[in-house]
Amino acid sequence: MPERGMRDEDRVAALLELAQAAALEVRILSAHAAAEEGAPRQSRVGRVGSRVWVLIVPDDPPAHQAAALAQALGRFRADFLEERFVPPALRAFIADRTGPT
């Protein structure tokens, strides 16, 4: 269920925009790749060296996609968030998943 006045799809779009501005590596798994045996079934965050990657699985519900993006931003780009205007509803969503930013 959407919370704080944003639809999940709108939240994902806004978080994708923030992630791009914050220089996170976001990869959206293609439908073909997602259908492969052993492919991830949930969106997730990972670190490869100094780079933070967010993998978005297309069949994952938008709420889970948004949570993965929020976790990456809150955990790995908190300084970026402090220096940028983030709408209060979006900032609260990120904080709810990672602690205060």
N, C-alpha and C. Protein backbone atom coordinates (compact mmCIF):
# COMPACT_ATOMS: atom_id res chain seq x y z
N MET A 1 0.85 -1.18 0.00
CA MET A 1 0.00 0.00 0.00
C MET A 1 0.90 1.25 0.00
N PRO A 2 0.61 2.22 -0.87
CA PRO A 2 1.40 3.44 -0.88
C PRO A 2 1.26 4.18 0.45
N GLU A 3 2.33 4.82 0.84
CA GLU A 3 2.30 5.56 2.09
C GLU A 3 2.77 6.98 1.83
N ARG A 4 2.40 7.85 2.73
CA ARG A 4 2.84 9.24 2.70
C ARG A 4 2.56 9.94 1.37
N GLY A 5 1.44 9.62 0.76
CA GLY A 5 0.97 10.38 -0.37
C GLY A 5 1.61 10.11 -1.71
N MET A 6 2.46 9.11 -1.84
CA MET A 6 3.07 8.80 -3.13
C MET A 6 2.69 7.39 -3.55
N ARG A 7 2.41 7.24 -4.84
CA ARG A 7 2.22 5.89 -5.37
C ARG A 7 3.59 5.23 -5.47
N ASP A 8 3.63 3.91 -5.36
CA ASP A 8 4.91 3.20 -5.42
C ASP A 8 5.65 3.46 -6.74
N GLU A 9 4.92 3.49 -7.84
CA GLU A 9 5.55 3.73 -9.14
C GLU A 9 6.19 5.12 -9.20
N ASP A 10 5.52 6.11 -8.63
CA ASP A 10 6.07 7.47 -8.60
C ASP A 10 7.29 7.53 -7.70
N ARG A 11 7.24 6.79 -6.60
CA ARG A 11 8.37 6.75 -5.66
C ARG A 11 9.59 6.13 -6.35
N VAL A 12 9.38 5.04 -7.09
CA VAL A 12 10.49 4.40 -7.80
C VAL A 12 11.10 5.38 -8.79
N ALA A 13 10.28 6.08 -9.55
CA ALA A 13 10.78 7.04 -10.52
C ALA A 13 11.61 8.13 -9.85
N ALA A 14 11.11 8.67 -8.75
CA ALA A 14 11.84 9.73 -8.04
C ALA A 14 13.15 9.20 -7.45
N LEU A 15 13.12 7.98 -6.91
CA LEU A 15 14.33 7.40 -6.33
C LEU A 15 15.35 7.05 -7.42
N LEU A 16 14.89 6.62 -8.58
CA LEU A 16 15.81 6.36 -9.69
C LEU A 16 16.52 7.64 -10.11
N GLU A 17 15.78 8.73 -10.14
CA GLU A 17 16.37 10.03 -10.49
C GLU A 17 17.43 10.44 -9.46
N LEU A 18 17.11 10.27 -8.18
CA LEU A 18 18.07 10.58 -7.12
C LEU A 18 19.30 9.67 -7.21
N ALA A 19 19.07 8.39 -7.45
CA ALA A 19 20.18 7.43 -7.54
C ALA A 19 21.12 7.80 -8.67
N GLN A 20 20.57 8.21 -9.80
CA GLN A 20 21.41 8.62 -10.92
C GLN A 20 22.22 9.86 -10.55
N ALA A 21 21.59 10.83 -9.93
CA ALA A 21 22.29 12.05 -9.53
C ALA A 21 23.36 11.75 -8.48
N ALA A 22 23.14 10.72 -7.66
CA ALA A 22 24.08 10.34 -6.60
C ALA A 22 25.17 9.40 -7.10
N ALA A 23 25.18 9.11 -8.39
CA ALA A 23 26.19 8.26 -9.02
C ALA A 23 26.17 6.82 -8.51
N LEU A 24 24.98 6.32 -8.23
CA LEU A 24 24.83 4.89 -7.93
C LEU A 24 24.73 4.14 -9.25
N GLU A 25 25.26 2.95 -9.30
CA GLU A 25 25.14 2.09 -10.48
C GLU A 25 23.81 1.35 -10.38
N VAL A 26 22.85 1.73 -11.19
CA VAL A 26 21.55 1.07 -11.18
C VAL A 26 21.43 0.25 -12.45
N ARG A 27 21.13 -1.02 -12.27
CA ARG A 27 20.93 -1.92 -13.39
C ARG A 27 19.53 -2.50 -13.28
N ILE A 28 18.78 -2.35 -14.35
CA ILE A 28 17.44 -2.92 -14.41
C ILE A 28 17.55 -4.20 -15.23
N LEU A 29 17.29 -5.31 -14.60
CA LEU A 29 17.40 -6.61 -15.23
C LEU A 29 16.38 -6.69 -16.37
N SER A 30 16.80 -7.17 -17.53
CA SER A 30 15.86 -7.31 -18.64
C SER A 30 14.90 -8.46 -18.35
N ALA A 31 13.77 -8.45 -19.00
CA ALA A 31 12.79 -9.52 -18.82
C ALA A 31 13.40 -10.86 -19.20
N HIS A 32 14.23 -10.87 -20.25
CA HIS A 32 14.88 -12.10 -20.69
C HIS A 32 15.84 -12.60 -19.62
N ALA A 33 16.67 -11.72 -19.09
CA ALA A 33 17.63 -12.11 -18.06
C ALA A 33 16.90 -12.54 -16.79
N ALA A 34 15.81 -11.89 -16.47
CA ALA A 34 15.05 -12.22 -15.26
C ALA A 34 14.42 -13.60 -15.37
N ALA A 35 14.16 -14.05 -16.60
CA ALA A 35 13.54 -15.36 -16.81
C ALA A 35 14.55 -16.50 -16.73
N GLU A 36 15.83 -16.19 -16.77
CA GLU A 36 16.87 -17.23 -16.72
C GLU A 36 16.85 -17.94 -15.37
N GLU A 37 17.21 -19.20 -15.41
CA GLU A 37 17.31 -19.97 -14.16
C GLU A 37 18.42 -19.39 -13.31
N GLY A 38 18.14 -19.23 -12.03
CA GLY A 38 19.13 -18.69 -11.10
C GLY A 38 19.19 -17.17 -11.06
N ALA A 39 18.34 -16.51 -11.83
CA ALA A 39 18.32 -15.04 -11.82
C ALA A 39 17.75 -14.55 -10.49
N PRO A 40 18.20 -13.39 -10.03
CA PRO A 40 17.65 -12.84 -8.78
C PRO A 40 16.15 -12.63 -8.92
N ARG A 41 15.45 -12.85 -7.83
CA ARG A 41 13.99 -12.68 -7.81
C ARG A 41 13.57 -11.41 -7.10
N GLN A 42 14.50 -10.76 -6.41
CA GLN A 42 14.18 -9.52 -5.69
C GLN A 42 15.23 -8.47 -6.00
N SER A 43 14.78 -7.23 -6.03
CA SER A 43 15.70 -6.11 -6.19
C SER A 43 16.60 -6.06 -4.97
N ARG A 44 17.86 -5.65 -5.19
CA ARG A 44 18.81 -5.65 -4.08
C ARG A 44 19.93 -4.66 -4.30
N VAL A 45 20.68 -4.43 -3.22
CA VAL A 45 21.82 -3.51 -3.22
C VAL A 45 23.07 -4.34 -2.93
N GLY A 46 24.15 -4.01 -3.61
CA GLY A 46 25.41 -4.67 -3.35
C GLY A 46 26.56 -3.73 -3.60
N ARG A 47 27.70 -4.10 -3.09
CA ARG A 47 28.89 -3.27 -3.25
C ARG A 47 29.94 -4.07 -4.01
N VAL A 48 30.53 -3.45 -5.01
CA VAL A 48 31.62 -4.05 -5.77
C VAL A 48 32.77 -3.06 -5.67
N GLY A 49 33.74 -3.38 -4.82
CA GLY A 49 34.82 -2.43 -4.57
C GLY A 49 34.25 -1.17 -3.95
N SER A 50 34.55 -0.05 -4.56
CA SER A 50 34.05 1.22 -4.04
C SER A 50 32.72 1.62 -4.68
N ARG A 51 32.24 0.80 -5.61
CA ARG A 51 31.00 1.13 -6.31
C ARG A 51 29.80 0.44 -5.66
N VAL A 52 28.72 1.17 -5.59
CA VAL A 52 27.47 0.64 -5.06
C VAL A 52 26.55 0.35 -6.24
N TRP A 53 26.05 -0.87 -6.28
CA TRP A 53 25.17 -1.30 -7.36
C TRP A 53 23.77 -1.56 -6.80
N VAL A 54 22.79 -1.16 -7.56
CA VAL A 54 21.40 -1.48 -7.23
C VAL A 54 20.86 -2.26 -8.41
N LEU A 55 20.43 -3.48 -8.15
CA LEU A 55 19.83 -4.32 -9.17
C LEU A 55 18.33 -4.27 -9.01
N ILE A 56 17.65 -3.87 -10.07
CA ILE A 56 16.19 -3.79 -10.06
C ILE A 56 15.65 -4.95 -10.89
N VAL A 57 14.83 -5.78 -10.28
CA VAL A 57 14.22 -6.91 -10.96
C VAL A 57 12.84 -6.48 -11.43
N PRO A 58 12.57 -6.57 -12.74
CA PRO A 58 11.32 -6.01 -13.27
C PRO A 58 10.04 -6.62 -12.69
N ASP A 59 10.06 -7.89 -12.31
CA ASP A 59 8.85 -8.52 -11.77
C ASP A 59 8.69 -8.28 -10.27
N ASP A 60 9.69 -7.67 -9.64
CA ASP A 60 9.61 -7.35 -8.23
C ASP A 60 8.59 -6.22 -8.06
N PRO A 61 7.73 -6.28 -7.05
CA PRO A 61 6.75 -5.20 -6.86
C PRO A 61 7.45 -3.84 -6.70
N PRO A 62 6.84 -2.78 -7.20
CA PRO A 62 7.44 -1.45 -7.09
C PRO A 62 7.82 -1.07 -5.65
N ALA A 63 7.07 -1.54 -4.68
CA ALA A 63 7.41 -1.23 -3.29
C ALA A 63 8.77 -1.81 -2.91
N HIS A 64 9.09 -3.01 -3.39
CA HIS A 64 10.40 -3.62 -3.12
C HIS A 64 11.51 -2.91 -3.90
N GLN A 65 11.21 -2.52 -5.13
CA GLN A 65 12.19 -1.78 -5.92
C GLN A 65 12.53 -0.46 -5.22
N ALA A 66 11.50 0.23 -4.75
CA ALA A 66 11.71 1.50 -4.05
C ALA A 66 12.52 1.29 -2.78
N ALA A 67 12.24 0.21 -2.05
CA ALA A 67 12.97 -0.05 -0.81
C ALA A 67 14.46 -0.29 -1.09
N ALA A 68 14.79 -1.02 -2.15
CA ALA A 68 16.19 -1.26 -2.50
C ALA A 68 16.89 0.06 -2.84
N LEU A 69 16.25 0.89 -3.61
CA LEU A 69 16.83 2.19 -3.97
C LEU A 69 17.01 3.06 -2.73
N ALA A 70 16.00 3.08 -1.86
CA ALA A 70 16.08 3.88 -0.64
C ALA A 70 17.21 3.40 0.27
N GLN A 71 17.37 2.10 0.40
CA GLN A 71 18.46 1.55 1.21
C GLN A 71 19.81 1.97 0.67
N ALA A 72 19.99 1.89 -0.63
CA ALA A 72 21.27 2.28 -1.23
C ALA A 72 21.55 3.76 -1.01
N LEU A 73 20.56 4.58 -1.22
CA LEU A 73 20.76 6.02 -1.02
C LEU A 73 21.04 6.35 0.43
N GLY A 74 20.26 5.79 1.33
CA GLY A 74 20.43 6.09 2.76
C GLY A 74 21.72 5.56 3.35
N ARG A 75 22.13 4.38 2.94
CA ARG A 75 23.34 3.77 3.50
C ARG A 75 24.61 4.30 2.86
N PHE A 76 24.59 4.53 1.55
CA PHE A 76 25.83 4.82 0.84
C PHE A 76 25.93 6.24 0.30
N ARG A 77 24.85 6.99 0.32
CA ARG A 77 24.87 8.35 -0.22
C ARG A 77 24.20 9.34 0.73
N ALA A 78 24.33 9.11 2.02
CA ALA A 78 23.71 10.00 3.01
C ALA A 78 24.22 11.43 2.88
N ASP A 79 25.52 11.61 2.63
CA ASP A 79 26.08 12.96 2.46
C ASP A 79 25.43 13.67 1.28
N PHE A 80 25.24 12.95 0.20
CA PHE A 80 24.59 13.50 -0.99
C PHE A 80 23.17 13.97 -0.63
N LEU A 81 22.45 13.14 0.12
CA LEU A 81 21.08 13.48 0.49
C LEU A 81 21.02 14.72 1.38
N GLU A 82 22.01 14.89 2.24
CA GLU A 82 22.04 16.05 3.13
C GLU A 82 22.23 17.35 2.36
N GLU A 83 22.90 17.28 1.22
CA GLU A 83 23.21 18.48 0.45
C GLU A 83 22.18 18.79 -0.64
N ARG A 84 21.16 17.99 -0.75
CA ARG A 84 20.22 18.12 -1.85
C ARG A 84 18.79 18.21 -1.30
N PHE A 85 17.96 18.99 -1.98
CA PHE A 85 16.55 19.00 -1.60
C PHE A 85 15.93 17.67 -2.00
N VAL A 86 15.30 17.05 -1.05
CA VAL A 86 14.55 15.82 -1.29
C VAL A 86 13.17 16.06 -0.70
N PRO A 87 12.11 15.86 -1.49
CA PRO A 87 10.78 16.10 -0.96
C PRO A 87 10.58 15.35 0.37
N PRO A 88 9.89 15.99 1.31
CA PRO A 88 9.74 15.40 2.64
C PRO A 88 9.20 13.97 2.64
N ALA A 89 8.23 13.66 1.78
CA ALA A 89 7.68 12.30 1.75
C ALA A 89 8.74 11.29 1.32
N LEU A 90 9.57 11.69 0.37
CA LEU A 90 10.63 10.80 -0.11
C LEU A 90 11.74 10.66 0.93
N ARG A 91 12.08 11.76 1.56
CA ARG A 91 13.11 11.72 2.62
C ARG A 91 12.65 10.82 3.77
N ALA A 92 11.38 10.91 4.14
CA ALA A 92 10.84 10.07 5.20
C ALA A 92 10.86 8.59 4.80
N PHE A 93 10.55 8.31 3.55
CA PHE A 93 10.58 6.94 3.05
C PHE A 93 11.99 6.37 3.15
N ILE A 94 12.99 7.14 2.75
CA ILE A 94 14.38 6.71 2.82
C ILE A 94 14.77 6.48 4.29
N ALA A 95 14.43 7.44 5.13
CA ALA A 95 14.78 7.33 6.56
C ALA A 95 14.12 6.13 7.21
N ASP A 96 12.90 5.81 6.82
CA ASP A 96 12.19 4.66 7.40
C ASP A 96 12.91 3.35 7.08
N ARG A 97 13.67 3.33 5.99
CA ARG A 97 14.34 2.10 5.57
C ARG A 97 15.81 2.05 5.96
N THR A 98 16.36 3.19 6.38
CA THR A 98 17.81 3.20 6.66
C THR A 98 18.18 3.95 7.93
N GLY A 99 17.26 4.60 8.55
CA GLY A 99 17.60 5.48 9.68
C GLY A 99 17.65 6.90 9.18
N PRO A 100 17.77 7.88 10.05
CA PRO A 100 17.74 9.30 9.66
C PRO A 100 18.85 9.64 8.68
N THR A 101 18.53 10.52 7.71
CA THR A 101 19.52 11.01 6.75
C THR A 101 19.74 12.48 6.95
